[in-house]
PDB file of all heavy atoms in Angstrom:
ATOM      1  N   LYS A   1     -13.525-124.900 -66.477  1.00  0.00           N
ATOM      2  CA  LYS A   1     -13.425-124.070 -65.276  1.00  0.00           C
ATOM      3  C   LYS A   1     -14.792-123.853 -64.633  1.00  0.00           C
ATOM      4  O   LYS A   1     -14.942-123.894 -63.410  1.00  0.00           O
ATOM      5  CB  LYS A   1     -12.784-122.726 -65.635  1.00  0.00           C
ATOM      6  CG  LYS A   1     -12.464-121.851 -64.435  1.00  0.00           C
ATOM      7  CD  LYS A   1     -11.681-120.624 -64.862  1.00  0.00           C
ATOM      8  CE  LYS A   1     -11.294-119.783 -63.643  1.00  0.00           C
ATOM      9  NZ  LYS A   1     -10.513-118.581 -64.036  1.00  0.00           N
ATOM     10  N   ASP A   2     -15.822-123.660 -65.481  1.00  0.00           N
ATOM     11  CA  ASP A   2     -17.166-123.365 -64.965  1.00  0.00           C
ATOM     12  C   ASP A   2     -17.844-124.567 -64.339  1.00  0.00           C
ATOM     13  O   ASP A   2     -18.552-124.455 -63.337  1.00  0.00           O
ATOM     14  CB  ASP A   2     -18.066-122.851 -66.101  1.00  0.00           C
ATOM     15  CG  ASP A   2     -17.716-121.437 -66.508  1.00  0.00           C
ATOM     16  OD1 ASP A   2     -16.903-120.799 -65.804  1.00  0.00           O
ATOM     17  OD2 ASP A   2     -18.250-120.971 -67.528  1.00  0.00           O
ATOM     18  N   VAL A   3     -17.672-125.734 -64.948  1.00  0.00           N
ATOM     19  CA  VAL A   3     -18.519-126.875 -64.600  1.00  0.00           C
ATOM     20  C   VAL A   3     -17.839-127.894 -63.681  1.00  0.00           C
ATOM     21  O   VAL A   3     -18.507-128.697 -63.049  1.00  0.00           O
ATOM     22  CB  VAL A   3     -19.010-127.564 -65.899  1.00  0.00           C
ATOM     23  CG1 VAL A   3     -17.976-128.541 -66.443  1.00  0.00           C
ATOM     24  CG2 VAL A   3     -20.337-128.254 -65.686  1.00  0.00           C
ATOM     25  N   SER A   4     -16.518-127.850 -63.568  1.00  0.00           N
ATOM     26  CA  SER A   4     -15.795-128.909 -62.855  1.00  0.00           C
ATOM     27  C   SER A   4     -15.629-128.626 -61.373  1.00  0.00           C
ATOM     28  O   SER A   4     -15.492-127.476 -60.957  1.00  0.00           O
ATOM     29  CB  SER A   4     -14.393-129.097 -63.459  1.00  0.00           C
ATOM     30  OG  SER A   4     -14.447-129.239 -64.846  1.00  0.00           O
ATOM     31  N   ASN A   5     -15.616-129.695 -60.588  1.00  0.00           N
ATOM     32  CA  ASN A   5     -15.152-129.625 -59.203  1.00  0.00           C
ATOM     33  C   ASN A   5     -13.642-129.849 -59.125  1.00  0.00           C
ATOM     34  O   ASN A   5     -12.984-129.378 -58.208  1.00  0.00           O
ATOM     35  CB  ASN A   5     -15.826-130.688 -58.339  1.00  0.00           C
ATOM     36  CG  ASN A   5     -17.336-130.635 -58.416  1.00  0.00           C
ATOM     37  OD1 ASN A   5     -17.969-131.567 -58.863  1.00  0.00           O
ATOM     38  ND2 ASN A   5     -17.918-129.517 -57.986  1.00  0.00           N
ATOM     39  N   ARG A   6     -13.153-130.615 -60.114  1.00  0.00           N
ATOM     40  CA  ARG A   6     -11.729-130.985 -60.097  1.00  0.00           C
ATOM     41  C   ARG A   6     -11.245-131.156 -61.528  1.00  0.00           C
ATOM     42  O   ARG A   6     -12.000-131.575 -62.409  1.00  0.00           O
ATOM     43  CB  ARG A   6     -11.563-132.306 -59.331  1.00  0.00           C
ATOM     44  CG  ARG A   6     -10.142-132.810 -59.202  1.00  0.00           C
ATOM     45  CD  ARG A   6      -9.992-133.826 -58.060  1.00  0.00           C
ATOM     46  NE  ARG A   6     -11.021-134.838 -58.060  1.00  0.00           N
ATOM     47  CZ  ARG A   6     -10.790-136.153 -58.256  1.00  0.00           C
ATOM     48  NH1 ARG A   6      -9.572-136.570 -58.499  1.00  0.00           N
ATOM     49  NH2 ARG A   6     -11.782-137.022 -58.210  1.00  0.00           N
ATOM     50  N   VAL A   7     -10.010-130.780 -61.750  1.00  0.00           N
ATOM     51  CA  VAL A   7      -9.380-130.934 -63.070  1.00  0.00           C
ATOM     52  C   VAL A   7      -8.142-131.800 -62.910  1.00  0.00           C
ATOM     53  O   VAL A   7      -7.348-131.597 -61.977  1.00  0.00           O
ATOM     54  CB  VAL A   7      -9.000-129.558 -63.671  1.00  0.00           C
ATOM     55  CG1 VAL A   7      -8.229-129.733 -64.978  1.00  0.00           C
ATOM     56  CG2 VAL A   7     -10.252-128.711 -63.901  1.00  0.00           C
ATOM     57  N   MET A   8      -7.993-132.773 -63.814  1.00  0.00           N
ATOM     58  CA  MET A   8      -6.808-133.631 -63.811  1.00  0.00           C
ATOM     59  C   MET A   8      -6.057-133.434 -65.123  1.00  0.00           C
ATOM     60  O   MET A   8      -6.626-133.573 -66.198  1.00  0.00           O
ATOM     61  CB  MET A   8      -7.198-135.107 -63.640  1.00  0.00           C
ATOM     62  CG  MET A   8      -7.858-135.402 -62.318  1.00  0.00           C
ATOM     63  SD  MET A   8      -7.911-137.172 -61.866  1.00  0.00           S
ATOM     64  CE  MET A   8      -9.060-137.794 -63.080  1.00  0.00           C
ATOM     65  N   MET A   9      -4.791-133.104 -65.008  1.00  0.00           N
ATOM     66  CA  MET A   9      -3.921-132.924 -66.168  1.00  0.00           C
ATOM     67  C   MET A   9      -3.216-134.243 -66.464  1.00  0.00           C
ATOM     68  O   MET A   9      -2.550-134.817 -65.590  1.00  0.00           O
ATOM     69  CB  MET A   9      -2.894-131.816 -65.877  1.00  0.00           C
ATOM     70  CG  MET A   9      -1.762-131.718 -66.867  1.00  0.00           C
ATOM     71  SD  MET A   9      -2.273-131.124 -68.507  1.00  0.00           S
ATOM     72  CE  MET A   9      -0.745-131.468 -69.441  1.00  0.00           C
ATOM     73  N   PHE A  10      -3.386-134.728 -67.701  1.00  0.00           N
ATOM     74  CA  PHE A  10      -2.790-135.996 -68.118  1.00  0.00           C
ATOM     75  C   PHE A  10      -1.666-135.759 -69.113  1.00  0.00           C
ATOM     76  O   PHE A  10      -1.728-134.857 -69.941  1.00  0.00           O
ATOM     77  CB  PHE A  10      -3.848-136.882 -68.800  1.00  0.00           C
ATOM     78  CG  PHE A  10      -4.631-137.712 -67.849  1.00  0.00           C
ATOM     79  CD1 PHE A  10      -5.681-137.158 -67.150  1.00  0.00           C
ATOM     80  CD2 PHE A  10      -4.322-139.041 -67.628  1.00  0.00           C
ATOM     81  CE1 PHE A  10      -6.417-137.911 -66.257  1.00  0.00           C
ATOM     82  CE2 PHE A  10      -5.042-139.804 -66.738  1.00  0.00           C
ATOM     83  CZ  PHE A  10      -6.098-139.241 -66.045  1.00  0.00           C
ATOM     84  N   ASP A  11      -0.675-136.612 -69.045  1.00  0.00           N
ATOM     85  CA  ASP A  11       0.349-136.672 -70.077  1.00  0.00           C
ATOM     86  C   ASP A  11       0.952-138.071 -70.058  1.00  0.00           C
ATOM     87  O   ASP A  11       1.282-138.603 -68.990  1.00  0.00           O
ATOM     88  CB  ASP A  11       1.428-135.615 -69.845  1.00  0.00           C
ATOM     89  CG  ASP A  11       2.314-135.418 -71.071  1.00  0.00           C
ATOM     90  OD1 ASP A  11       1.822-135.638 -72.198  1.00  0.00           O
ATOM     91  OD2 ASP A  11       3.493-135.054 -70.914  1.00  0.00           O
ATOM     92  N   GLN A  12       1.018-138.675 -71.227  1.00  0.00           N
ATOM     93  CA  GLN A  12       1.615-140.007 -71.389  1.00  0.00           C
ATOM     94  C   GLN A  12       1.020-141.031 -70.420  1.00  0.00           C
ATOM     95  O   GLN A  12       1.739-141.839 -69.827  1.00  0.00           O
ATOM     96  CB  GLN A  12       3.147-139.929 -71.230  1.00  0.00           C
ATOM     97  CG  GLN A  12       3.782-139.028 -72.284  1.00  0.00           C
ATOM     98  CD  GLN A  12       5.295-138.965 -72.172  1.00  0.00           C
ATOM     99  OE1 GLN A  12       5.861-139.240 -71.123  1.00  0.00           O
ATOM    100  NE2 GLN A  12       5.947-138.601 -73.247  1.00  0.00           N
ATOM    101  N   GLY A  13      -0.309-140.994 -70.286  1.00  0.00           N
ATOM    102  CA  GLY A  13      -1.003-142.027 -69.531  1.00  0.00           C
ATOM    103  C   GLY A  13      -0.933-141.919 -68.028  1.00  0.00           C
ATOM    104  O   GLY A  13      -1.359-142.834 -67.321  1.00  0.00           O
ATOM    105  N   THR A  14      -0.428-140.804 -67.525  1.00  0.00           N
ATOM    106  CA  THR A  14      -0.356-140.619 -66.069  1.00  0.00           C
ATOM    107  C   THR A  14      -0.909-139.243 -65.698  1.00  0.00           C
ATOM    108  O   THR A  14      -0.964-138.331 -66.538  1.00  0.00           O
ATOM    109  CB  THR A  14       1.096-140.722 -65.548  1.00  0.00           C
ATOM    110  OG1 THR A  14       1.891-139.714 -66.171  1.00  0.00           O
ATOM    111  CG2 THR A  14       1.704-142.087 -65.862  1.00  0.00           C
ATOM    112  N   ILE A  15      -1.313-139.101 -64.439  1.00  0.00           N
ATOM    113  CA  ILE A  15      -1.799-137.814 -63.947  1.00  0.00           C
ATOM    114  C   ILE A  15      -0.600-136.964 -63.544  1.00  0.00           C
ATOM    115  O   ILE A  15       0.169-137.332 -62.650  1.00  0.00           O
ATOM    116  CB  ILE A  15      -2.736-138.009 -62.741  1.00  0.00           C
ATOM    117  CG1 ILE A  15      -3.944-138.852 -63.135  1.00  0.00           C
ATOM    118  CG2 ILE A  15      -3.192-136.649 -62.196  1.00  0.00           C
ATOM    119  CD1 ILE A  15      -4.808-139.275 -61.960  1.00  0.00           C
ATOM    120  N   VAL A  16      -0.442-135.843 -64.218  1.00  0.00           N
ATOM    121  CA  VAL A  16       0.666-134.931 -63.929  1.00  0.00           C
ATOM    122  C   VAL A  16       0.336-134.069 -62.712  1.00  0.00           C
ATOM    123  O   VAL A  16       1.191-133.813 -61.854  1.00  0.00           O
ATOM    124  CB  VAL A  16       0.950-134.032 -65.149  1.00  0.00           C
ATOM    125  CG1 VAL A  16       2.009-132.981 -64.828  1.00  0.00           C
ATOM    126  CG2 VAL A  16       1.362-134.876 -66.343  1.00  0.00           C
ATOM    127  N   GLU A  17      -0.945-133.633 -62.646  1.00  0.00           N
ATOM    128  CA  GLU A  17      -1.357-132.696 -61.598  1.00  0.00           C
ATOM    129  C   GLU A  17      -2.873-132.720 -61.516  1.00  0.00           C
ATOM    130  O   GLU A  17      -3.560-132.902 -62.519  1.00  0.00           O
ATOM    131  CB  GLU A  17      -0.870-131.288 -61.968  1.00  0.00           C
ATOM    132  CG  GLU A  17      -1.169-130.205 -60.959  1.00  0.00           C
ATOM    133  CD  GLU A  17      -0.517-128.869 -61.316  1.00  0.00           C
ATOM    134  OE1 GLU A  17       0.177-128.784 -62.358  1.00  0.00           O
ATOM    135  OE2 GLU A  17      -0.720-127.920 -60.549  1.00  0.00           O
ATOM    136  N   GLU A  18      -3.424-132.549 -60.318  1.00  0.00           N
ATOM    137  CA  GLU A  18      -4.881-132.431 -60.166  1.00  0.00           C
ATOM    138  C   GLU A  18      -5.192-131.476 -59.028  1.00  0.00           C
ATOM    139  O   GLU A  18      -4.487-131.428 -58.022  1.00  0.00           O
ATOM    140  CB  GLU A  18      -5.521-133.802 -59.921  1.00  0.00           C
ATOM    141  CG  GLU A  18      -5.058-134.511 -58.673  1.00  0.00           C
ATOM    142  CD  GLU A  18      -5.788-135.833 -58.477  1.00  0.00           C
ATOM    143  OE1 GLU A  18      -7.034-135.846 -58.524  1.00  0.00           O
ATOM    144  OE2 GLU A  18      -5.122-136.853 -58.280  1.00  0.00           O
ATOM    145  N   ASP A  19      -6.251-130.694 -59.216  1.00  0.00           N
ATOM    146  CA  ASP A  19      -6.655-129.731 -58.188  1.00  0.00           C
ATOM    147  C   ASP A  19      -7.987-129.117 -58.613  1.00  0.00           C
ATOM    148  O   ASP A  19      -8.580-129.520 -59.608  1.00  0.00           O
ATOM    149  CB  ASP A  19      -5.580-128.646 -58.018  1.00  0.00           C
ATOM    150  CG  ASP A  19      -5.478-128.166 -56.564  1.00  0.00           C
ATOM    151  OD1 ASP A  19      -6.552-127.951 -55.946  1.00  0.00           O
ATOM    152  OD2 ASP A  19      -4.361-128.012 -56.065  1.00  0.00           O
ATOM    153  N   THR A  20      -8.439-128.140 -57.859  1.00  0.00           N
ATOM    154  CA  THR A  20      -9.648-127.411 -58.243  1.00  0.00           C
ATOM    155  C   THR A  20      -9.366-126.660 -59.541  1.00  0.00           C
ATOM    156  O   THR A  20      -8.207-126.317 -59.848  1.00  0.00           O
ATOM    157  CB  THR A  20     -10.041-126.400 -57.163  1.00  0.00           C
ATOM    158  OG1 THR A  20      -8.985-125.422 -57.039  1.00  0.00           O
ATOM    159  CG2 THR A  20     -10.271-127.081 -55.817  1.00  0.00           C
ATOM    160  N   PRO A  21     -10.406-126.360 -60.327  1.00  0.00           N
ATOM    161  CA  PRO A  21     -10.164-125.603 -61.560  1.00  0.00           C
ATOM    162  C   PRO A  21      -9.549-124.236 -61.282  1.00  0.00           C
ATOM    163  O   PRO A  21      -8.702-123.765 -62.057  1.00  0.00           O
ATOM    164  CB  PRO A  21     -11.558-125.475 -62.195  1.00  0.00           C
ATOM    165  CG  PRO A  21     -12.534-125.887 -61.157  1.00  0.00           C
ATOM    166  CD  PRO A  21     -11.817-126.775 -60.203  1.00  0.00           C
ATOM    167  N   GLU A  22      -9.947-123.611 -60.178  1.00  0.00           N
ATOM    168  CA  GLU A  22      -9.362-122.304 -59.843  1.00  0.00           C
ATOM    169  C   GLU A  22      -7.844-122.408 -59.694  1.00  0.00           C
ATOM    170  O   GLU A  22      -7.101-121.570 -60.208  1.00  0.00           O
ATOM    171  CB  GLU A  22      -9.982-121.772 -58.545  1.00  0.00           C
ATOM    172  CG  GLU A  22     -11.455-121.419 -58.631  1.00  0.00           C
ATOM    173  CD  GLU A  22     -12.375-122.640 -58.575  1.00  0.00           C
ATOM    174  OE1 GLU A  22     -11.897-123.734 -58.182  1.00  0.00           O
ATOM    175  OE2 GLU A  22     -13.565-122.504 -58.920  1.00  0.00           O
ATOM    176  N   LYS A  23      -7.421-123.452 -59.004  1.00  0.00           N
ATOM    177  CA  LYS A  23      -5.985-123.637 -58.761  1.00  0.00           C
ATOM    178  C   LYS A  23      -5.250-124.030 -60.040  1.00  0.00           C
ATOM    179  O   LYS A  23      -4.180-123.479 -60.352  1.00  0.00           O
ATOM    180  CB  LYS A  23      -5.794-124.717 -57.690  1.00  0.00           C
ATOM    181  CG  LYS A  23      -4.350-124.940 -57.260  1.00  0.00           C
ATOM    182  CD  LYS A  23      -3.837-123.825 -56.391  1.00  0.00           C
ATOM    183  CE  LYS A  23      -2.449-124.178 -55.847  1.00  0.00           C
ATOM    184  NZ  LYS A  23      -1.843-123.042 -55.123  1.00  0.00           N
ATOM    185  N   ILE A  24      -5.825-124.976 -60.785  1.00  0.00           N
ATOM    186  CA  ILE A  24      -5.154-125.456 -61.999  1.00  0.00           C
ATOM    187  C   ILE A  24      -4.999-124.332 -63.018  1.00  0.00           C
ATOM    188  O   ILE A  24      -3.939-124.168 -63.638  1.00  0.00           O
ATOM    189  CB  ILE A  24      -5.937-126.631 -62.627  1.00  0.00           C
ATOM    190  CG1 ILE A  24      -5.805-127.899 -61.771  1.00  0.00           C
ATOM    191  CG2 ILE A  24      -5.470-126.895 -64.069  1.00  0.00           C
ATOM    192  CD1 ILE A  24      -4.452-128.569 -61.803  1.00  0.00           C
ATOM    193  N   PHE A  25      -6.065-123.539 -63.201  1.00  0.00           N
ATOM    194  CA  PHE A  25      -6.023-122.536 -64.265  1.00  0.00           C
ATOM    195  C   PHE A  25      -5.331-121.238 -63.851  1.00  0.00           C
ATOM    196  O   PHE A  25      -4.857-120.504 -64.706  1.00  0.00           O
ATOM    197  CB  PHE A  25      -7.434-122.252 -64.778  1.00  0.00           C
ATOM    198  CG  PHE A  25      -8.035-123.411 -65.530  1.00  0.00           C
ATOM    199  CD1 PHE A  25      -9.167-124.047 -65.070  1.00  0.00           C
ATOM    200  CD2 PHE A  25      -7.432-123.885 -66.687  1.00  0.00           C
ATOM    201  CE1 PHE A  25      -9.725-125.124 -65.750  1.00  0.00           C
ATOM    202  CE2 PHE A  25      -7.964-124.964 -67.389  1.00  0.00           C
ATOM    203  CZ  PHE A  25      -9.112-125.584 -66.916  1.00  0.00           C
ATOM    204  N   SER A  26      -5.277-120.961 -62.559  1.00  0.00           N
ATOM    205  CA  SER A  26      -4.647-119.703 -62.143  1.00  0.00           C
ATOM    206  C   SER A  26      -3.236-119.903 -61.586  1.00  0.00           C
ATOM    207  O   SER A  26      -2.414-118.995 -61.651  1.00  0.00           O
ATOM    208  CB  SER A  26      -5.503-118.993 -61.089  1.00  0.00           C
ATOM    209  OG  SER A  26      -5.577-119.762 -59.904  1.00  0.00           O
ATOM    210  N   ASP A  27      -2.971-121.102 -61.064  1.00  0.00           N
ATOM    211  CA  ASP A  27      -1.660-121.303 -60.435  1.00  0.00           C
ATOM    212  C   ASP A  27      -1.196-122.752 -60.569  1.00  0.00           C
ATOM    213  O   ASP A  27      -0.971-123.452 -59.581  1.00  0.00           O
ATOM    214  CB  ASP A  27      -1.756-120.926 -58.943  1.00  0.00           C
ATOM    215  CG  ASP A  27      -0.405-120.927 -58.255  1.00  0.00           C
ATOM    216  OD1 ASP A  27       0.622-120.750 -58.945  1.00  0.00           O
ATOM    217  OD2 ASP A  27      -0.373-121.129 -57.020  1.00  0.00           O
TER     218      ASP A  27
END
């Protein structure tokens, strides 16, 4: 959350969701 511009959530070799850390971790 502190260091990233963007977070990508992976599952089974594909991107499930990506957004800013604020968005990914809060919503």
